[in-house]
Protein backbone atom coordinates (compact mmCIF):
# COMPACT_ATOMS: atom_id res chain seq x y z
CA UNK A 1 -17.09 65.92 21.52
CA UNK A 2 -14.18 67.15 23.68
CA UNK A 3 -11.64 65.93 21.12
CA UNK A 4 -13.46 67.69 18.30
CA UNK A 5 -13.60 70.97 20.21
CA UNK A 6 -9.95 70.69 21.23
CA UNK A 7 -8.89 70.23 17.58
CA UNK A 8 -11.12 73.07 16.34
CA UNK A 9 -9.74 75.43 19.00
CA UNK A 10 -6.23 74.76 17.70
CA UNK A 11 -7.19 75.02 14.01
CA UNK A 12 -10.75 75.78 12.96
CA UNK A 13 -9.75 75.67 9.28
CA UNK A 14 -8.80 71.99 9.36
CA UNK A 15 -10.58 70.13 6.54
CA UNK A 16 -13.49 67.90 7.56
CA UNK A 17 -11.77 64.89 5.98
CA UNK A 18 -8.76 65.39 8.27
CA UNK A 19 -11.03 65.83 11.29
CA UNK A 20 -12.83 62.60 10.42
CA UNK A 21 -9.54 60.73 10.12
CA UNK A 22 -8.22 62.11 13.43
CA UNK A 23 -11.43 61.27 15.27
CA UNK A 24 -12.13 57.93 13.60
CA UNK A 25 -15.46 59.16 12.24
CA UNK A 26 -17.01 59.73 8.84
CA UNK A 27 -17.05 63.19 7.31
CA UNK A 28 -20.84 63.16 7.59
CA UNK A 29 -20.61 62.43 11.33
CA UNK A 30 -18.09 65.25 11.83
CA UNK A 31 -20.27 67.68 9.85
CA UNK A 32 -23.31 66.70 11.91
CA UNK A 33 -21.44 67.15 15.19
CA UNK A 34 -20.15 70.57 14.14
CA UNK A 35 -23.63 71.63 12.98
CA UNK A 36 -25.04 70.59 16.38
CA UNK A 37 -22.32 72.48 18.26
CA UNK A 38 -23.09 75.58 16.20
CA UNK A 39 -26.87 75.22 16.66
CA UNK A 40 -26.47 74.72 20.43
CA UNK A 41 -24.34 77.88 20.70
CA UNK A 42 -21.23 75.98 21.78
CA UNK A 43 -19.36 77.18 18.68
CA UNK A 44 -20.04 80.90 18.36
CA UNK A 45 -17.83 81.63 15.36
CA UNK A 46 -14.48 81.15 13.68
CA UNK A 47 -11.62 83.58 13.30
CA UNK A 48 -8.02 83.86 12.24
CA UNK A 49 -5.32 84.79 14.75
CA UNK A 50 -3.55 87.76 13.18
CA UNK A 51 -0.08 89.00 14.03
CA UNK A 52 -1.17 92.59 14.68
CA UNK A 53 2.39 93.90 14.69
CA UNK A 54 2.84 92.79 11.07
CA UNK A 55 -0.66 93.77 9.95
CA UNK A 56 -0.85 97.26 11.52
CA UNK A 57 2.12 98.27 13.63
CA UNK A 58 0.40 101.50 14.76
CA UNK A 59 -2.73 99.78 16.13
CA UNK A 60 -3.10 99.47 19.89
CA UNK A 61 -4.87 97.05 22.16
CA UNK A 62 -5.84 98.07 25.68
CA UNK A 63 -7.00 96.04 28.65
CA UNK A 64 -9.25 98.27 30.72
CA UNK A 65 -10.04 97.32 34.30
CA UNK A 66 -13.48 98.71 35.09
CA UNK A 67 -15.11 99.01 38.50
CA UNK A 68 -18.88 99.33 38.30
CA UNK A 69 -21.82 99.68 40.60
CA UNK A 70 -24.03 96.68 39.82
CA UNK A 71 -27.65 97.49 39.00
CA UNK A 72 -30.39 96.35 41.35
CA UNK A 73 -32.26 94.31 38.72
CA UNK A 74 -29.56 93.48 36.19
CA UNK A 75 -26.48 93.05 38.36
CA UNK A 76 -23.38 93.20 36.17
CA UNK A 77 -25.06 91.77 33.07
CA UNK A 78 -26.83 94.88 31.82
CA UNK A 79 -23.79 97.14 32.16
CA UNK A 80 -21.49 94.49 30.64
CA UNK A 81 -23.83 94.08 27.67
CA UNK A 82 -23.96 97.84 27.19
CA UNK A 83 -20.16 98.07 27.15
CA UNK A 84 -19.93 95.05 24.82
CA UNK A 85 -22.14 96.93 22.33
CA UNK A 86 -19.46 99.50 21.53
CA UNK A 87 -17.70 98.75 18.23
CA UNK A 88 -14.26 99.43 19.76
CA UNK A 89 -14.75 96.64 22.30
CA UNK A 90 -13.34 93.23 21.40
CA UNK A 91 -14.11 91.37 24.65
CA UNK A 92 -15.75 91.91 28.05
CA UNK A 93 -15.19 89.61 31.02
CA UNK A 94 -16.64 89.60 34.55
CA UNK A 95 -13.66 89.23 36.89
CA UNK A 96 -12.95 88.45 40.51
CA UNK A 97 -10.59 90.65 42.49
CA UNK A 98 -10.03 94.39 42.61
CA UNK A 99 -12.18 95.32 39.61
CA UNK A 100 -15.39 93.98 38.09
CA UNK A 101 -15.04 93.97 34.31
CA UNK A 102 -12.06 93.49 32.03
CA UNK A 103 -12.68 95.25 28.72
CA UNK A 104 -10.39 94.60 25.74
CA UNK A 105 -10.40 97.49 23.26
CA UNK A 106 -8.71 97.90 19.88
CA UNK A 107 -7.90 101.26 18.33
CA UNK A 108 -5.85 102.68 15.51
CA UNK A 109 -3.76 104.71 17.99
CA UNK A 110 -3.47 105.69 21.66
CA UNK A 111 -5.58 108.79 21.20
CA UNK A 112 -8.48 106.76 19.80
CA UNK A 113 -8.48 104.42 22.81
CA UNK A 114 -8.16 107.33 25.23
CA UNK A 115 -11.08 109.05 23.53
CA UNK A 116 -13.19 105.89 23.87
CA UNK A 117 -12.44 105.68 27.59
CA UNK A 118 -13.07 109.37 28.21
CA UNK A 119 -16.13 109.91 26.02
CA UNK A 120 -17.93 106.57 26.08
CA UNK A 121 -16.82 104.22 28.84
CA UNK A 122 -16.21 106.49 31.82
CA UNK A 123 -19.40 108.49 31.19
CA UNK A 124 -21.66 105.48 31.81
CA UNK A 125 -23.47 106.14 35.09
CA UNK A 126 -22.64 102.76 36.67
CA UNK A 127 -18.90 103.03 35.91
CA UNK A 128 -16.99 104.01 39.05
CA UNK A 129 -13.42 103.88 37.72
CA UNK A 130 -11.24 102.70 34.84
CA UNK A 131 -7.58 101.70 34.70
CA UNK A 132 -6.19 101.32 31.18
CA UNK A 133 -3.22 99.12 30.36
CA UNK A 134 -1.77 99.02 26.86
CA UNK A 135 -0.39 95.90 25.18
CA UNK A 136 3.27 96.44 24.38
CA UNK A 137 4.11 93.16 22.68
CA UNK A 138 2.40 89.84 22.02
CA UNK A 139 4.25 86.60 22.67
CA UNK A 140 1.37 84.12 22.55
CA UNK A 141 -2.27 84.58 21.58
CA UNK A 142 -5.11 82.06 21.51
CA UNK A 143 -2.59 79.27 22.06
CA UNK A 144 -0.36 80.33 19.18
CA UNK A 145 3.19 81.63 19.59
CA UNK A 146 4.04 84.81 17.71
CA UNK A 147 7.43 85.09 16.05
CA UNK A 148 9.87 85.38 18.90
CA UNK A 149 13.16 87.07 18.20
CA UNK A 150 16.17 85.10 19.25
CA UNK A 151 18.10 87.01 21.88
CA UNK A 152 21.82 86.50 21.41
CA UNK A 153 23.54 85.04 24.40
CA UNK A 154 25.37 87.62 26.41
CA UNK A 155 29.12 87.50 26.43
CA UNK A 156 30.53 86.78 29.84
CA UNK A 157 32.10 89.74 31.52
CA UNK A 158 35.49 89.07 33.05
CA UNK A 159 37.86 91.46 34.78
């Protein structure tokens, strides 16, 4: 199963026939294994990795470090699920270290992300503080390199 998951993480669009050949299985066996992984909740979905800079150069992605006061009954889970429910939120992670939650947010511009933080995120009672960091450039995402511009070698400086 590990080999199947590893291949699907690299390319979830790979044809079943190719998967079967790579794994030494029949297509029916591969289809059954994938169906089981989906039914068990191991595979949650499939998506394309998009070069955002080519698709929408004005769009912004922010990583927001959020400190929260955990709830007596729900701990971090209830507040994390509430934050995850906002349509602007792409991902929410419980973290170790100086903050509790890492929230990844997408917006069409800086103002939209700032508005989300000010009007929705920071107004939640359990949220103690937020620190927003904006993505400037993507070099690698989900294991895939983005187009990297070749930097010309510098000419040596001599007196």
